[in-house]
Amino acid sequence: MGESAAAMIRQSLKDPPSLEAKRRLMALAEKLRFSDRARVPWLRCVELLERIGTSPARATLELFRNIADPETSADATRSLERLAVMTK
């Protein structure tokens, strides 16, 4: 849910929640921050492969498309779709 979840967490923290709710919301916010930072190298990798655009680069993106993680698969799929449009 990414940024939409982060926005909801920030909004919930504005209204003074109970101490337990605040602790849990802060823990969730920290996980989201880590998740976003961890995605940057991955997105750069996909971007680089897309810019290279060679057959081996496309084959690598195809492999990434088949990874179980939905976000990872979606990033690779979008990249391959852009490459398909550029080669037409």
PDB file of N, CA and C in Angstrom:
ATOM      1  N   MET A   1       0.828  -1.199   0.000  1.00  0.00           N
ATOM      2  CA  MET A   1       0.000   0.000   0.000  1.00  0.00           C
ATOM      3  C   MET A   1       0.869   1.257   0.000  1.00  0.00           C
ATOM      4  N   GLY A   2       2.133   1.105   0.342  1.00  0.00           N
ATOM      5  CA  GLY A   2       3.112   2.166   0.188  1.00  0.00           C
ATOM      6  C   GLY A   2       2.723   3.509   0.754  1.00  0.00           C
ATOM      7  N   GLU A   3       2.707   4.511  -0.135  1.00  0.00           N
ATOM      8  CA  GLU A   3       2.512   5.891   0.290  1.00  0.00           C
ATOM      9  C   GLU A   3       1.130   6.134   0.881  1.00  0.00           C
ATOM     10  N   SER A   4       0.100   5.468   0.373  1.00  0.00           N
ATOM     11  CA  SER A   4      -1.238   5.689   0.941  1.00  0.00           C
ATOM     12  C   SER A   4      -1.298   5.208   2.387  1.00  0.00           C
ATOM     13  N   ALA A   5      -0.618   4.094   2.674  1.00  0.00           N
ATOM     14  CA  ALA A   5      -0.566   3.617   4.064  1.00  0.00           C
ATOM     15  C   ALA A   5       0.228   4.593   4.926  1.00  0.00           C
ATOM     16  N   ALA A   6       1.324   5.112   4.383  1.00  0.00           N
ATOM     17  CA  ALA A   6       2.137   6.070   5.140  1.00  0.00           C
ATOM     18  C   ALA A   6       1.327   7.316   5.463  1.00  0.00           C
ATOM     19  N   ALA A   7       0.517   7.786   4.506  1.00  0.00           N
ATOM     20  CA  ALA A   7      -0.310   8.969   4.744  1.00  0.00           C
ATOM     21  C   ALA A   7      -1.335   8.702   5.850  1.00  0.00           C
ATOM     22  N   MET A   8      -1.928   7.522   5.840  1.00  0.00           N
ATOM     23  CA  MET A   8      -2.900   7.171   6.876  1.00  0.00           C
ATOM     24  C   MET A   8      -2.229   7.079   8.243  1.00  0.00           C
ATOM     25  N   ILE A   9      -1.030   6.550   8.290  1.00  0.00           N
ATOM     26  CA  ILE A   9      -0.306   6.446   9.558  1.00  0.00           C
ATOM     27  C   ILE A   9       0.023   7.839  10.080  1.00  0.00           C
ATOM     28  N   ARG A  10       0.516   8.721   9.176  1.00  0.00           N
ATOM     29  CA  ARG A  10       0.834  10.095   9.605  1.00  0.00           C
ATOM     30  C   ARG A  10      -0.405  10.795  10.152  1.00  0.00           C
ATOM     31  N   GLN A  11      -1.546  10.621   9.478  1.00  0.00           N
ATOM     32  CA  GLN A  11      -2.786  11.239   9.936  1.00  0.00           C
ATOM     33  C   GLN A  11      -3.188  10.694  11.306  1.00  0.00           C
ATOM     34  N   SER A  12      -3.051   9.399  11.495  1.00  0.00           N
ATOM     35  CA  SER A  12      -3.408   8.783  12.779  1.00  0.00           C
ATOM     36  C   SER A  12      -2.519   9.281  13.906  1.00  0.00           C
ATOM     37  N   LEU A  13      -1.279   9.577  13.591  1.00  0.00           N
ATOM     38  CA  LEU A  13      -0.353  10.067  14.624  1.00  0.00           C
ATOM     39  C   LEU A  13      -0.640  11.518  14.999  1.00  0.00           C
ATOM     40  N   LYS A  14      -1.344  12.273  14.137  1.00  0.00           N
ATOM     41  CA  LYS A  14      -1.687  13.662  14.463  1.00  0.00           C
ATOM     42  C   LYS A  14      -2.698  13.718  15.598  1.00  0.00           C
ATOM     43  N   ASP A  15      -3.692  12.815  15.557  1.00  0.00           N
ATOM     44  CA  ASP A  15      -4.658  12.723  16.647  1.00  0.00           C
ATOM     45  C   ASP A  15      -3.984  11.916  17.742  1.00  0.00           C
ATOM     46  N   PRO A  16      -3.876  12.475  18.946  1.00  0.00           N
ATOM     47  CA  PRO A  16      -3.131  11.755  19.977  1.00  0.00           C
ATOM     48  C   PRO A  16      -3.749  10.378  20.281  1.00  0.00           C
ATOM     49  N   PRO A  17      -3.129   9.310  19.749  1.00  0.00           N
ATOM     50  CA  PRO A  17      -3.643   7.969  20.051  1.00  0.00           C
ATOM     51  C   PRO A  17      -3.165   7.520  21.424  1.00  0.00           C
ATOM     52  N   SER A  18      -3.657   6.372  21.846  1.00  0.00           N
ATOM     53  CA  SER A  18      -3.168   5.810  23.104  1.00  0.00           C
ATOM     54  C   SER A  18      -1.683   5.492  22.943  1.00  0.00           C
ATOM     55  N   LEU A  19      -1.002   5.302  24.037  1.00  0.00           N
ATOM     56  CA  LEU A  19       0.425   5.012  23.996  1.00  0.00           C
ATOM     57  C   LEU A  19       0.704   3.733  23.204  1.00  0.00           C
ATOM     58  N   GLU A  20      -0.119   2.716  23.396  1.00  0.00           N
ATOM     59  CA  GLU A  20       0.058   1.454  22.666  1.00  0.00           C
ATOM     60  C   GLU A  20      -0.176   1.650  21.170  1.00  0.00           C
ATOM     61  N   ALA A  21      -1.230   2.384  20.806  1.00  0.00           N
ATOM     62  CA  ALA A  21      -1.512   2.643  19.390  1.00  0.00           C
ATOM     63  C   ALA A  21      -0.377   3.441  18.757  1.00  0.00           C
ATOM     64  N   LYS A  22       0.132   4.433  19.509  1.00  0.00           N
ATOM     65  CA  LYS A  22       1.243   5.244  18.997  1.00  0.00           C
ATOM     66  C   LYS A  22       2.475   4.370  18.768  1.00  0.00           C
ATOM     67  N   ARG A  23       2.764   3.474  19.691  1.00  0.00           N
ATOM     68  CA  ARG A  23       3.924   2.589  19.558  1.00  0.00           C
ATOM     69  C   ARG A  23       3.793   1.723  18.311  1.00  0.00           C
ATOM     70  N   ARG A  24       2.602   1.184  18.099  1.00  0.00           N
ATOM     71  CA  ARG A  24       2.378   0.317  16.937  1.00  0.00           C
ATOM     72  C   ARG A  24       2.432   1.106  15.629  1.00  0.00           C
ATOM     73  N   LEU A  25       1.851   2.297  15.629  1.00  0.00           N
ATOM     74  CA  LEU A  25       1.893   3.135  14.428  1.00  0.00           C
ATOM     75  C   LEU A  25       3.328   3.534  14.084  1.00  0.00           C
ATOM     76  N   MET A  26       4.119   3.859  15.104  1.00  0.00           N
ATOM     77  CA  MET A  26       5.524   4.220  14.872  1.00  0.00           C
ATOM     78  C   MET A  26       6.295   3.030  14.295  1.00  0.00           C
ATOM     79  N   ALA A  27       6.009   1.833  14.784  1.00  0.00           N
ATOM     80  CA  ALA A  27       6.674   0.633  14.264  1.00  0.00           C
ATOM     81  C   ALA A  27       6.313   0.419  12.793  1.00  0.00           C
ATOM     82  N   LEU A  28       5.047   0.618  12.448  1.00  0.00           N
ATOM     83  CA  LEU A  28       4.633   0.493  11.052  1.00  0.00           C
ATOM     84  C   LEU A  28       5.292   1.552  10.174  1.00  0.00           C
ATOM     85  N   ALA A  29       5.352   2.781  10.678  1.00  0.00           N
ATOM     86  CA  ALA A  29       5.989   3.856   9.923  1.00  0.00           C
ATOM     87  C   ALA A  29       7.456   3.541   9.662  1.00  0.00           C
ATOM     88  N   GLU A  30       8.136   2.970  10.621  1.00  0.00           N
ATOM     89  CA  GLU A  30       9.542   2.607  10.450  1.00  0.00           C
ATOM     90  C   GLU A  30       9.703   1.525   9.387  1.00  0.00           C
ATOM     91  N   LYS A  31       8.801   0.548   9.373  1.00  0.00           N
ATOM     92  CA  LYS A  31       8.861  -0.504   8.355  1.00  0.00           C
ATOM     93  C   LYS A  31       8.658   0.079   6.962  1.00  0.00           C
ATOM     94  N   LEU A  32       7.745   1.037   6.835  1.00  0.00           N
ATOM     95  CA  LEU A  32       7.512   1.666   5.534  1.00  0.00           C
ATOM     96  C   LEU A  32       8.730   2.447   5.072  1.00  0.00           C
ATOM     97  N   ARG A  33       9.395   3.136   5.998  1.00  0.00           N
ATOM     98  CA  ARG A  33      10.603   3.877   5.621  1.00  0.00           C
ATOM     99  C   ARG A  33      11.667   2.927   5.129  1.00  0.00           C
ATOM    100  N   PHE A  34      11.854   1.800   5.800  1.00  0.00           N
ATOM    101  CA  PHE A  34      12.842   0.823   5.375  1.00  0.00           C
ATOM    102  C   PHE A  34      12.479   0.262   4.010  1.00  0.00           C
ATOM    103  N   SER A  35      11.214  -0.037   3.814  1.00  0.00           N
ATOM    104  CA  SER A  35      10.752  -0.604   2.554  1.00  0.00           C
ATOM    105  C   SER A  35      11.045   0.346   1.398  1.00  0.00           C
ATOM    106  N   ASP A  36      10.780   1.631   1.570  1.00  0.00           N
ATOM    107  CA  ASP A  36      11.030   2.600   0.513  1.00  0.00           C
ATOM    108  C   ASP A  36      12.515   2.707   0.203  1.00  0.00           C
ATOM    109  N   ARG A  37      13.359   2.734   1.235  1.00  0.00           N
ATOM    110  CA  ARG A  37      14.805   2.819   1.017  1.00  0.00           C
ATOM    111  C   ARG A  37      15.335   1.571   0.338  1.00  0.00           C
ATOM    112  N   ALA A  38      14.773   0.438   0.645  1.00  0.00           N
ATOM    113  CA  ALA A  38      15.245  -0.809   0.063  1.00  0.00           C
ATOM    114  C   ALA A  38      14.859  -0.916  -1.414  1.00  0.00           C
ATOM    115  N   ARG A  39      13.807  -0.226  -1.831  1.00  0.00           N
ATOM    116  CA  ARG A  39      13.365  -0.298  -3.223  1.00  0.00           C
ATOM    117  C   ARG A  39      14.208   0.540  -4.166  1.00  0.00           C
ATOM    118  N   VAL A  40      14.872   1.550  -3.679  1.00  0.00           N
ATOM    119  CA  VAL A  40      15.621   2.444  -4.560  1.00  0.00           C
ATOM    120  C   VAL A  40      16.661   1.698  -5.399  1.00  0.00           C
ATOM    121  N   PRO A  41      17.538   0.871  -4.808  1.00  0.00           N
ATOM    122  CA  PRO A  41      18.499   0.151  -5.656  1.00  0.00           C
ATOM    123  C   PRO A  41      17.805  -0.759  -6.677  1.00  0.00           C
ATOM    124  N   TRP A  42      16.722  -1.374  -6.281  1.00  0.00           N
ATOM    125  CA  TRP A  42      15.984  -2.236  -7.205  1.00  0.00           C
ATOM    126  C   TRP A  42      15.457  -1.424  -8.384  1.00  0.00           C
ATOM    127  N   LEU A  43      14.847  -0.287  -8.116  1.00  0.00           N
ATOM    128  CA  LEU A  43      14.302   0.535  -9.189  1.00  0.00           C
ATOM    129  C   LEU A  43      15.398   1.052 -10.107  1.00  0.00           C
ATOM    130  N   ARG A  44      16.549   1.363  -9.550  1.00  0.00           N
ATOM    131  CA  ARG A  44      17.679   1.790 -10.383  1.00  0.00           C
ATOM    132  C   ARG A  44      18.148   0.665 -11.288  1.00  0.00           C
ATOM    133  N   CYS A  45      18.140  -0.548 -10.787  1.00  0.00           N
ATOM    134  CA  CYS A  45      18.518  -1.713 -11.574  1.00  0.00           C
ATOM    135  C   CYS A  45      17.555  -1.891 -12.748  1.00  0.00           C
ATOM    136  N   VAL A  46      16.267  -1.808 -12.496  1.00  0.00           N
ATOM    137  CA  VAL A  46      15.266  -1.948 -13.556  1.00  0.00           C
ATOM    138  C   VAL A  46      15.441  -0.834 -14.584  1.00  0.00           C
ATOM    139  N   GLU A  47      15.661   0.385 -14.108  1.00  0.00           N
ATOM    140  CA  GLU A  47      15.848   1.515 -15.013  1.00  0.00           C
ATOM    141  C   GLU A  47      17.073   1.308 -15.898  1.00  0.00           C
ATOM    142  N   LEU A  48      18.149   0.842 -15.315  1.00  0.00           N
ATOM    143  CA  LEU A  48      19.370   0.606 -16.075  1.00  0.00           C
ATOM    144  C   LEU A  48      19.148  -0.457 -17.149  1.00  0.00           C
ATOM    145  N   LEU A  49      18.517  -1.559 -16.773  1.00  0.00           N
ATOM    146  CA  LEU A  49      18.241  -2.609 -17.754  1.00  0.00           C
ATOM    147  C   LEU A  49      17.341  -2.093 -18.877  1.00  0.00           C
ATOM    148  N   GLU A  50      16.388  -1.252 -18.523  1.00  0.00           N
ATOM    149  CA  GLU A  50      15.503  -0.678 -19.533  1.00  0.00           C
ATOM    150  C   GLU A  50      16.280   0.222 -20.481  1.00  0.00           C
ATOM    151  N   ARG A  51      17.169   1.034 -19.933  1.00  0.00           N
ATOM    152  CA  ARG A  51      17.967   1.931 -20.775  1.00  0.00           C
ATOM    153  C   ARG A  51      18.920   1.161 -21.676  1.00  0.00           C
ATOM    154  N   ILE A  52      19.473   0.078 -21.168  1.00  0.00           N
ATOM    155  CA  ILE A  52      20.364  -0.745 -21.989  1.00  0.00           C
ATOM    156  C   ILE A  52      19.560  -1.336 -23.145  1.00  0.00           C
ATOM    157  N   GLY A  53      18.432  -1.959 -22.837  1.00  0.00           N
ATOM    158  CA  GLY A  53      17.488  -2.409 -23.836  1.00  0.00           C
ATOM    159  C   GLY A  53      17.931  -3.539 -24.746  1.00  0.00           C
ATOM    160  N   THR A  54      19.066  -4.142 -24.488  1.00  0.00           N
ATOM    161  CA  THR A  54      19.535  -5.235 -25.325  1.00  0.00           C
ATOM    162  C   THR A  54      18.742  -6.506 -25.040  1.00  0.00           C
ATOM    163  N   SER A  55      18.972  -7.506 -25.860  1.00  0.00           N
ATOM    164  CA  SER A  55      18.296  -8.789 -25.658  1.00  0.00           C
ATOM    165  C   SER A  55      18.583  -9.385 -24.282  1.00  0.00           C
ATOM    166  N   PRO A  56      19.853  -9.416 -23.843  1.00  0.00           N
ATOM    167  CA  PRO A  56      20.121  -9.952 -22.501  1.00  0.00           C
ATOM    168  C   PRO A  56      19.455  -9.118 -21.394  1.00  0.00           C
ATOM    169  N   ALA A  57      19.397  -7.793 -21.576  1.00  0.00           N
ATOM    170  CA  ALA A  57      18.749  -6.939 -20.578  1.00  0.00           C
ATOM    171  C   ALA A  57      17.254  -7.250 -20.513  1.00  0.00           C
ATOM    172  N   ARG A  58      16.636  -7.438 -21.662  1.00  0.00           N
ATOM    173  CA  ARG A  58      15.214  -7.781 -21.690  1.00  0.00           C
ATOM    174  C   ARG A  58      14.969  -9.155 -21.071  1.00  0.00           C
ATOM    175  N   ALA A  59      15.873 -10.086 -21.343  1.00  0.00           N
ATOM    176  CA  ALA A  59      15.735 -11.429 -20.757  1.00  0.00           C
ATOM    177  C   ALA A  59      15.815 -11.360 -19.240  1.00  0.00           C
ATOM    178  N   THR A  60      16.687 -10.498 -18.726  1.00  0.00           N
ATOM    179  CA  THR A  60      16.803 -10.332 -17.279  1.00  0.00           C
ATOM    180  C   THR A  60      15.522  -9.739 -16.708  1.00  0.00           C
ATOM    181  N   LEU A  61      14.956  -8.756 -17.402  1.00  0.00           N
ATOM    182  CA  LEU A  61      13.685  -8.179 -16.959  1.00  0.00           C
ATOM    183  C   LEU A  61      12.569  -9.227 -16.985  1.00  0.00           C
ATOM    184  N   GLU A  62      12.599 -10.122 -17.971  1.00  0.00           N
ATOM    185  CA  GLU A  62      11.617 -11.217 -18.018  1.00  0.00           C
ATOM    186  C   GLU A  62      11.753 -12.112 -16.793  1.00  0.00           C
ATOM    187  N   LEU A  63      13.005 -12.382 -16.401  1.00  0.00           N
ATOM    188  CA  LEU A  63      13.220 -13.182 -15.188  1.00  0.00           C
ATOM    189  C   LEU A  63      12.664 -12.460 -13.969  1.00  0.00           C
ATOM    190  N   PHE A  64      12.926 -11.159 -13.877  1.00  0.00           N
ATOM    191  CA  PHE A  64      12.423 -10.372 -12.753  1.00  0.00           C
ATOM    192  C   PHE A  64      10.896 -10.354 -12.736  1.00  0.00           C
ATOM    193  N   ARG A  65      10.289 -10.376 -13.919  1.00  0.00           N
ATOM    194  CA  ARG A  65       8.828 -10.358 -14.009  1.00  0.00           C
ATOM    195  C   ARG A  65       8.224 -11.586 -13.325  1.00  0.00           C
ATOM    196  N   ASN A  66       8.951 -12.679 -13.340  1.00  0.00           N
ATOM    197  CA  ASN A  66       8.446 -13.932 -12.779  1.00  0.00           C
ATOM    198  C   ASN A  66       8.748 -14.110 -11.293  1.00  0.00           C
ATOM    199  N   ILE A  67       9.347 -13.102 -10.678  1.00  0.00           N
ATOM    200  CA  ILE A  67       9.625 -13.156  -9.247  1.00  0.00           C
ATOM    201  C   ILE A  67       8.297 -13.055  -8.498  1.00  0.00           C
ATOM    202  N   ALA A  68       8.184 -13.777  -7.397  1.00  0.00           N
ATOM    203  CA  ALA A  68       6.913 -13.858  -6.657  1.00  0.00           C
ATOM    204  C   ALA A  68       6.446 -12.525  -6.080  1.00  0.00           C
ATOM    205  N   ASP A  69       7.365 -11.641  -5.701  1.00  0.00           N
ATOM    206  CA  ASP A  69       7.002 -10.360  -5.098  1.00  0.00           C
ATOM    207  C   ASP A  69       6.204  -9.521  -6.099  1.00  0.00           C
ATOM    208  N   PRO A  70       4.971  -9.155  -5.776  1.00  0.00           N
ATOM    209  CA  PRO A  70       4.127  -8.427  -6.737  1.00  0.00           C
ATOM    210  C   PRO A  70       4.695  -7.076  -7.173  1.00  0.00           C
ATOM    211  N   GLU A  71       5.304  -6.340  -6.256  1.00  0.00           N
ATOM    212  CA  GLU A  71       5.863  -5.038  -6.628  1.00  0.00           C
ATOM    213  C   GLU A  71       7.025  -5.209  -7.595  1.00  0.00           C
ATOM    214  N   THR A  72       7.899  -6.166  -7.315  1.00  0.00           N
ATOM    215  CA  THR A  72       9.046  -6.436  -8.167  1.00  0.00           C
ATOM    216  C   THR A  72       8.579  -6.853  -9.549  1.00  0.00           C
ATOM    217  N   SER A  73       7.633  -7.736  -9.608  1.00  0.00           N
ATOM    218  CA  SER A  73       7.091  -8.204 -10.870  1.00  0.00           C
ATOM    219  C   SER A  73       6.447  -7.057 -11.649  1.00  0.00           C
ATOM    220  N   ALA A  74       5.711  -6.208 -10.966  1.00  0.00           N
ATOM    221  CA  ALA A  74       5.041  -5.078 -11.616  1.00  0.00           C
ATOM    222  C   ALA A  74       6.050  -4.084 -12.181  1.00  0.00           C
ATOM    223  N   ASP A  75       7.132  -3.819 -11.462  1.00  0.00           N
ATOM    224  CA  ASP A  75       8.171  -2.904 -11.955  1.00  0.00           C
ATOM    225  C   ASP A  75       8.781  -3.433 -13.243  1.00  0.00           C
ATOM    226  N   ALA A  76       9.127  -4.707 -13.270  1.00  0.00           N
ATOM    227  CA  ALA A  76       9.728  -5.316 -14.454  1.00  0.00           C
ATOM    228  C   ALA A  76       8.733  -5.349 -15.607  1.00  0.00           C
ATOM    229  N   THR A  77       7.478  -5.639 -15.315  1.00  0.00           N
ATOM    230  CA  THR A  77       6.449  -5.685 -16.363  1.00  0.00           C
ATOM    231  C   THR A  77       6.270  -4.317 -17.003  1.00  0.00           C
ATOM    232  N   ARG A  78       6.191  -3.271 -16.199  1.00  0.00           N
ATOM    233  CA  ARG A  78       6.043  -1.914 -16.743  1.00  0.00           C
ATOM    234  C   ARG A  78       7.245  -1.533 -17.601  1.00  0.00           C
ATOM    235  N   SER A  79       8.417  -1.927 -17.162  1.00  0.00           N
ATOM    236  CA  SER A  79       9.627  -1.635 -17.924  1.00  0.00           C
ATOM    237  C   SER A  79       9.588  -2.338 -19.283  1.00  0.00           C
ATOM    238  N   LEU A  80       9.205  -3.609 -19.285  1.00  0.00           N
ATOM    239  CA  LEU A  80       9.109  -4.355 -20.547  1.00  0.00           C
ATOM    240  C   LEU A  80       8.041  -3.761 -21.462  1.00  0.00           C
ATOM    241  N   GLU A  81       6.957  -3.280 -20.894  1.00  0.00           N
ATOM    242  CA  GLU A  81       5.900  -2.651 -21.701  1.00  0.00           C
ATOM    243  C   GLU A  81       6.414  -1.368 -22.349  1.00  0.00           C
ATOM    244  N   ARG A  82       7.182  -0.585 -21.603  1.00  0.00           N
ATOM    245  CA  ARG A  82       7.755   0.639 -22.180  1.00  0.00           C
ATOM    246  C   ARG A  82       8.733   0.293 -23.300  1.00  0.00           C
ATOM    247  N   LEU A  83       9.540  -0.749 -23.090  1.00  0.00           N
ATOM    248  CA  LEU A  83      10.479  -1.169 -24.131  1.00  0.00           C
ATOM    249  C   LEU A  83       9.746  -1.630 -25.388  1.00  0.00           C
ATOM    250  N   ALA A  84       8.638  -2.320 -25.215  1.00  0.00           N
ATOM    251  CA  ALA A  84       7.864  -2.791 -26.367  1.00  0.00           C
ATOM    252  C   ALA A  84       7.320  -1.612 -27.175  1.00  0.00           C
ATOM    253  N   VAL A  85       6.881  -0.569 -26.496  1.00  0.00           N
ATOM    254  CA  VAL A  85       6.357   0.607 -27.187  1.00  0.00           C
ATOM    255  C   VAL A  85       7.482   1.332 -27.926  1.00  0.00           C
ATOM    256  N   MET A  86       8.652   1.401 -27.302  1.00  0.00           N
ATOM    257  CA  MET A  86       9.782   2.121 -27.919  1.00  0.00           C
ATOM    258  C   MET A  86      10.295   1.409 -29.167  1.00  0.00           C
ATOM    259  N   THR A  87      10.153   0.098 -29.252  1.00  0.00           N
ATOM    260  CA  THR A  87      10.687  -0.642 -30.392  1.00  0.00           C
ATOM    261  C   THR A  87       9.696  -0.746 -31.539  1.00  0.00           C
ATOM    262  N   LYS A  88       8.473  -0.273 -31.346  1.00  0.00           N
ATOM    263  CA  LYS A  88       7.467  -0.332 -32.430  1.00  0.00           C
ATOM    264  C   LYS A  88       7.649   0.800 -33.383  1.00  0.00           C
TER     265      LYS A  88
END
